[in-house]
């Protein structure tokens, strides 16, 4: 069992500030300016930390939001600007699991305290000033995810780019990433189940991704291919999709719901620590 902690913040720019194409990098600046090198947060997100290349980290920074819109662009066109006096929002999610220490050597102890202390005025990019205030904390036990829920359809929205990788057969020895340009159900469930296994000892049926294309059926979508710069430019997708949940197995249906709820809190695909792969979820019909 593990716990998901989401800390929500308000951000106000004191002047117009041009920012990077992924606004989550502003949040990374805020965190690194607040914590010391001995902090578990620094160990997870610091550029020179031994864990910098770890494939899955239990801390997730969102994009900065203006209303419902996540601030990011594909690296061309008009720059992203935080406007003076405008209020924005962001959140940071931490997955508090006993398995973190064994897998990453990270002590969970001080993370929540340090996240709660992320308030005050900060200087970013050497010239801009922003004010940050904490507005709420949400705590969810893994046992609550999907508990008692029953859907016939679900809408997923991807407000930030998603880099959803195909699994790499070891004998191909591929170094580059190969990303899907569409939220294929089997890849969605495979990725969520893999990340679930890193935090929980609850075993999921290994056949679940094989059934997913037949039991999470696409009924409508507004998906588009996008480019995102994560050190190199990669292609992914954003937009929305509606799945119909048609499984006659109550166990598999419950596992799909649990994993989609998990993804809505922790993201899907690669680079979720930097705000990619964010998922919003709306059940469209509670009665199946």
Protein backbone atom coordinates (compact mmCIF):
# COMPACT_ATOMS: atom_id res chain seq x y z
CA UNK A 1 0.00 0.00 0.00
CA UNK A 2 1.16 3.52 -0.74
CA UNK A 3 -0.18 7.06 -0.37
CA UNK A 4 -0.45 9.79 -3.00
CA UNK A 5 -0.02 13.33 -1.68
CA UNK A 6 -0.88 16.27 -3.93
CA UNK A 7 0.05 19.78 -2.76
CA UNK A 8 -1.65 22.66 -4.61
CA UNK A 9 -0.29 26.16 -5.02
CA UNK A 10 -1.14 29.60 -6.36
CA UNK A 11 1.53 31.55 -8.28
CA UNK A 12 1.42 35.26 -9.10
CA UNK A 13 3.96 36.96 -11.36
CA UNK A 14 5.25 40.32 -10.13
CA UNK A 15 6.23 41.31 -13.70
CA UNK A 16 6.06 39.86 -17.20
CA UNK A 17 8.47 36.91 -17.34
CA UNK A 18 9.42 34.90 -20.42
CA UNK A 19 9.68 31.23 -19.45
CA UNK A 20 10.79 27.95 -21.05
CA UNK A 21 8.55 25.92 -23.34
CA UNK A 22 7.69 23.55 -20.45
CA UNK A 23 6.37 25.66 -17.58
CA UNK A 24 7.06 22.80 -15.13
CA UNK A 25 10.70 23.90 -15.28
CA UNK A 26 9.71 27.03 -13.37
CA UNK A 27 8.44 24.79 -10.56
CA UNK A 28 11.72 22.88 -10.62
CA UNK A 29 13.56 26.19 -10.15
CA UNK A 30 11.34 27.06 -7.19
CA UNK A 31 11.96 23.72 -5.49
CA UNK A 32 15.72 23.69 -6.03
CA UNK A 33 16.03 27.25 -4.71
CA UNK A 34 14.26 26.19 -1.50
CA UNK A 35 15.80 22.81 -0.60
CA UNK A 36 19.38 21.92 0.20
CA UNK A 37 21.55 19.30 -1.49
CA UNK A 38 20.90 16.88 1.37
CA UNK A 39 17.15 17.02 0.70
CA UNK A 40 15.34 13.96 -0.74
CA UNK A 41 13.69 16.36 -3.19
CA UNK A 42 17.10 17.44 -4.48
CA UNK A 43 18.08 13.77 -4.80
CA UNK A 44 15.04 13.20 -7.02
CA UNK A 45 15.11 16.28 -9.28
CA UNK A 46 18.61 17.78 -9.03
CA UNK A 47 20.43 17.83 -12.37
CA UNK A 48 23.62 16.49 -10.82
CA UNK A 49 22.01 13.95 -8.53
CA UNK A 50 22.91 10.26 -9.02
CA UNK A 51 19.15 9.69 -9.50
CA UNK A 52 18.86 12.21 -12.35
CA UNK A 53 18.38 9.41 -14.90
CA UNK A 54 16.16 7.14 -12.77
CA UNK A 55 13.31 5.89 -14.98
CA UNK A 56 10.49 6.55 -12.50
CA UNK A 57 10.57 9.03 -9.64
CA UNK A 58 7.92 9.46 -6.96
CA UNK A 59 7.71 13.25 -7.32
CA UNK A 60 5.64 14.85 -10.11
CA UNK A 61 5.60 18.55 -10.94
CA UNK A 62 2.63 19.73 -12.97
CA UNK A 63 2.69 22.35 -15.67
CA UNK A 64 1.66 25.85 -14.58
CA UNK A 65 -2.02 26.42 -15.35
CA UNK A 66 -3.91 29.55 -16.28
CA UNK A 67 -7.47 28.49 -15.63
CA UNK A 68 -7.84 25.08 -17.29
CA UNK A 69 -4.98 25.59 -19.76
CA UNK A 70 -1.58 24.03 -19.13
CA UNK A 71 1.24 26.36 -20.21
CA UNK A 72 3.58 24.72 -22.71
CA UNK A 73 4.44 25.02 -26.37
CA UNK A 74 6.34 23.09 -28.98
CA UNK A 75 9.37 25.37 -28.87
CA UNK A 76 8.47 27.71 -31.70
CA UNK A 77 6.07 30.58 -32.28
CA UNK A 78 5.23 33.07 -29.53
CA UNK A 79 7.15 32.55 -26.27
CA UNK A 80 5.42 31.57 -23.03
CA UNK A 81 5.02 34.58 -20.75
CA UNK A 82 3.86 34.78 -17.15
CA UNK A 83 1.91 38.04 -17.09
CA UNK A 84 2.29 40.56 -14.31
CA UNK A 85 -0.46 40.36 -11.70
CA UNK A 86 -2.02 37.23 -13.20
CA UNK A 87 -2.80 34.32 -10.88
CA UNK A 88 -1.73 30.84 -11.98
CA UNK A 89 -1.93 27.43 -10.34
CA UNK A 90 0.25 24.36 -10.15
CA UNK A 91 0.58 21.23 -8.05
CA UNK A 92 3.27 18.82 -6.95
CA UNK A 93 2.46 15.16 -6.32
CA UNK A 94 4.48 12.79 -4.16
CA UNK A 95 3.99 9.02 -4.02
CA UNK A 96 4.84 7.96 -0.48
CA UNK A 97 5.73 4.27 -0.70
CA UNK A 98 7.89 2.04 1.51
CA UNK A 99 9.45 0.77 -1.72
CA UNK A 100 11.04 4.16 -2.49
CA UNK A 101 13.89 3.60 -0.04
CA UNK A 102 14.80 0.16 -1.40
CA UNK A 103 14.54 1.19 -5.07
CA UNK A 104 16.00 4.70 -4.95
CA UNK A 105 17.62 5.05 -1.51
CA UNK A 106 15.37 8.03 -0.76
CA UNK A 107 13.92 8.76 2.67
CA UNK A 108 10.31 9.91 2.36
CA UNK A 109 10.39 11.60 5.77
CA UNK A 110 10.93 15.30 5.02
CA UNK A 111 9.32 15.55 1.59
CA UNK A 112 5.86 16.70 2.73
CA UNK A 113 7.32 19.25 5.14
CA UNK A 114 9.52 20.70 2.40
CA UNK A 115 6.58 20.86 -0.03
CA UNK A 116 4.47 22.67 2.55
CA UNK A 117 7.28 25.21 3.04
CA UNK A 118 7.30 26.14 -0.66
CA UNK A 119 5.79 29.58 -0.08
CA UNK A 120 6.94 33.17 -0.38
CA UNK A 121 8.60 35.28 -3.05
CA UNK A 122 11.09 33.70 -5.44
CA UNK A 123 13.41 34.99 -8.15
CA UNK A 124 13.44 32.96 -11.37
CA UNK A 125 15.66 33.22 -14.45
CA UNK A 126 17.80 35.73 -12.57
CA UNK A 127 15.43 38.67 -13.04
CA UNK A 128 11.78 37.74 -12.57
CA UNK A 129 9.90 37.59 -9.27
CA UNK A 130 6.90 35.41 -8.45
CA UNK A 131 4.85 34.94 -5.28
CA UNK A 132 3.84 31.40 -4.31
CA UNK A 133 1.24 30.38 -1.73
CA UNK A 134 -0.06 26.98 -0.67
CA UNK A 135 -3.81 26.53 -1.23
CA UNK A 136 -4.51 22.88 -0.37
CA UNK A 137 -3.34 19.33 0.22
CA UNK A 138 -5.00 16.14 -1.02
CA UNK A 139 -4.07 12.73 0.42
CA UNK A 140 -5.26 9.50 -1.23
CA UNK A 141 -4.47 5.95 -0.16
CA UNK A 142 -3.81 3.48 -2.98
CA UNK A 143 -6.60 1.27 -1.60
CA UNK A 144 -9.09 4.07 -2.39
CA UNK A 145 -8.26 4.26 -6.10
CA UNK A 146 -11.31 3.08 -8.03
CA UNK A 147 -12.86 1.58 -4.90
CA UNK A 148 -16.59 1.05 -5.40
CA UNK A 149 -16.59 2.69 -8.84
CA UNK A 150 -18.27 1.25 -11.92
CA UNK A 151 -18.18 2.97 -15.30
CA UNK A 152 -19.49 2.30 -18.76
CA UNK A 153 -17.37 5.04 -20.41
CA UNK A 154 -14.58 7.37 -19.41
CA UNK A 155 -13.10 10.51 -20.96
CA UNK A 156 -9.38 11.12 -20.57
CA UNK A 157 -7.86 14.50 -21.35
CA UNK A 158 -4.13 15.01 -21.85
CA UNK A 159 -3.47 18.73 -21.21
CA UNK A 160 0.31 18.33 -21.60
CA UNK A 161 2.33 16.24 -24.10
CA UNK A 162 2.41 12.48 -23.53
CA UNK A 163 5.48 10.40 -24.43
CA UNK A 164 4.04 6.88 -24.31
CA UNK A 165 6.76 4.43 -25.23
CA UNK A 166 6.47 1.08 -26.90
CA UNK A 167 8.22 -1.65 -24.86
CA UNK A 168 11.71 -2.40 -26.20
CA UNK A 169 12.54 -6.07 -26.91
CA UNK A 170 16.02 -6.48 -25.36
CA UNK A 171 17.51 -8.23 -28.39
CA UNK A 172 16.85 -5.20 -30.63
CA UNK A 173 19.22 -3.11 -28.47
CA UNK A 174 17.41 0.11 -29.32
CA UNK A 175 18.78 3.21 -27.59
CA UNK A 176 16.29 5.75 -28.89
CA UNK A 177 12.72 6.03 -27.63
CA UNK A 178 9.85 4.98 -29.88
CA UNK A 179 6.69 6.79 -28.81
CA UNK A 180 3.09 6.16 -29.81
CA UNK A 181 1.22 9.12 -31.33
CA UNK A 182 -2.11 7.85 -29.95
CA UNK A 183 -3.21 6.56 -26.50
CA UNK A 184 -3.39 2.88 -27.38
CA UNK A 185 -5.23 1.09 -24.54
CA UNK A 186 -2.66 -1.69 -24.22
CA UNK A 187 0.19 0.81 -23.86
CA UNK A 188 -1.76 2.95 -21.39
CA UNK A 189 -2.52 -0.03 -19.16
CA UNK A 190 0.95 -1.57 -19.56
CA UNK A 191 2.64 1.68 -18.53
CA UNK A 192 0.31 2.33 -15.59
CA UNK A 193 0.66 -1.29 -14.37
CA UNK A 194 4.47 -1.14 -14.60
CA UNK A 195 4.61 2.05 -12.54
CA UNK A 196 2.07 0.67 -10.05
CA UNK A 197 4.38 -2.31 -9.45
CA UNK A 198 7.20 0.06 -8.42
CA UNK A 199 5.14 1.41 -5.53
CA UNK A 200 2.88 -1.47 -4.50
CA UNK A 201 3.27 -5.14 -3.59
CA UNK A 202 -0.28 -5.78 -4.83
CA UNK A 203 0.16 -7.91 -7.92
CA UNK A 204 -1.87 -7.17 -11.04
CA UNK A 205 -2.68 -9.85 -13.65
CA UNK A 206 0.13 -9.77 -16.25
CA UNK A 207 -2.44 -10.39 -19.00
CA UNK A 208 -4.27 -7.11 -18.32
CA UNK A 209 -2.62 -5.13 -21.19
CA UNK A 210 -3.49 -7.94 -23.64
CA UNK A 211 -7.20 -7.62 -22.86
CA UNK A 212 -7.18 -3.81 -22.83
CA UNK A 213 -7.68 -3.18 -26.60
CA UNK A 214 -10.79 -5.37 -26.54
CA UNK A 215 -12.24 -4.06 -23.28
CA UNK A 216 -11.24 -0.37 -23.36
CA UNK A 217 -12.70 0.47 -26.75
CA UNK A 218 -12.10 3.86 -28.31
CA UNK A 219 -15.41 5.56 -29.15
CA UNK A 220 -14.28 9.12 -29.91
CA UNK A 221 -11.14 11.23 -29.71
CA UNK A 222 -9.50 14.57 -30.38
CA UNK A 223 -5.86 13.47 -30.34
CA UNK A 224 -3.11 15.35 -32.16
CA UNK A 225 0.59 14.68 -32.56
CA UNK A 226 2.88 17.23 -30.88
CA UNK A 227 6.59 17.91 -30.51
CA UNK A 228 8.21 18.37 -27.10
CA UNK A 229 11.78 19.26 -26.19
CA UNK A 230 13.13 17.06 -23.40
CA UNK A 231 16.79 17.67 -24.19
CA UNK A 232 16.06 16.32 -27.65
CA UNK A 233 12.90 16.92 -29.64
CA UNK A 234 10.49 14.02 -29.47
CA UNK A 235 7.04 13.39 -30.89
CA UNK A 236 4.11 12.54 -28.64
CA UNK A 237 0.43 13.40 -28.39
CA UNK A 238 -2.08 15.54 -26.52
CA UNK A 239 -5.84 16.02 -26.65
CA UNK A 240 -8.62 13.75 -25.38
CA UNK A 241 -10.12 10.30 -25.87
CA UNK A 242 -13.26 8.42 -24.78
CA UNK A 243 -13.08 4.71 -23.95
CA UNK A 244 -16.03 2.37 -23.49
CA UNK A 245 -15.39 -0.14 -20.71
CA UNK A 246 -16.88 -3.41 -21.97
CA UNK A 247 -15.20 -6.04 -19.78
CA UNK A 248 -17.52 -8.73 -18.40
CA UNK A 249 -14.88 -9.58 -15.80
CA UNK A 250 -15.50 -7.53 -12.66
CA UNK A 251 -11.88 -8.06 -11.61
CA UNK A 252 -10.41 -6.72 -14.85
CA UNK A 253 -12.89 -3.83 -14.93
CA UNK A 254 -11.90 -2.88 -11.38
CA UNK A 255 -8.20 -3.03 -12.31
CA UNK A 256 -8.69 -0.80 -15.38
CA UNK A 257 -10.49 1.76 -13.22
CA UNK A 258 -7.81 1.59 -10.52
CA UNK A 259 -4.98 2.07 -13.01
CA UNK A 260 -6.71 4.93 -14.83
CA UNK A 261 -7.33 6.66 -11.50
CA UNK A 262 -3.66 6.11 -10.65
CA UNK A 263 -2.64 7.63 -13.99
CA UNK A 264 -4.89 10.65 -13.40
CA UNK A 265 -2.89 11.44 -10.25
CA UNK A 266 0.63 10.45 -11.28
CA UNK A 267 0.68 10.75 -15.08
CA UNK A 268 1.37 8.32 -17.89
CA UNK A 269 4.41 7.67 -20.05
CA UNK A 270 7.86 9.26 -19.77
CA UNK A 271 9.08 12.36 -17.94
CA UNK A 272 6.07 12.61 -15.62
CA UNK A 273 8.35 14.23 -13.02
CA UNK A 274 8.63 17.21 -15.41
CA UNK A 275 4.88 17.47 -15.96
CA UNK A 276 4.53 15.42 -19.13
CA UNK A 277 1.80 12.79 -19.38
CA UNK A 278 -0.71 14.55 -17.14
CA UNK A 279 -4.19 13.02 -17.28
CA UNK A 280 -7.63 14.38 -16.38
CA UNK A 281 -10.39 11.81 -16.00
CA UNK A 282 -14.19 12.02 -16.18
CA UNK A 283 -16.43 8.93 -15.84
CA UNK A 284 -19.27 9.52 -18.31
CA UNK A 285 -21.72 6.96 -16.95
CA UNK A 286 -21.51 5.48 -13.46
CA UNK A 287 -23.97 2.65 -14.12
CA UNK A 288 -22.75 -0.33 -16.13
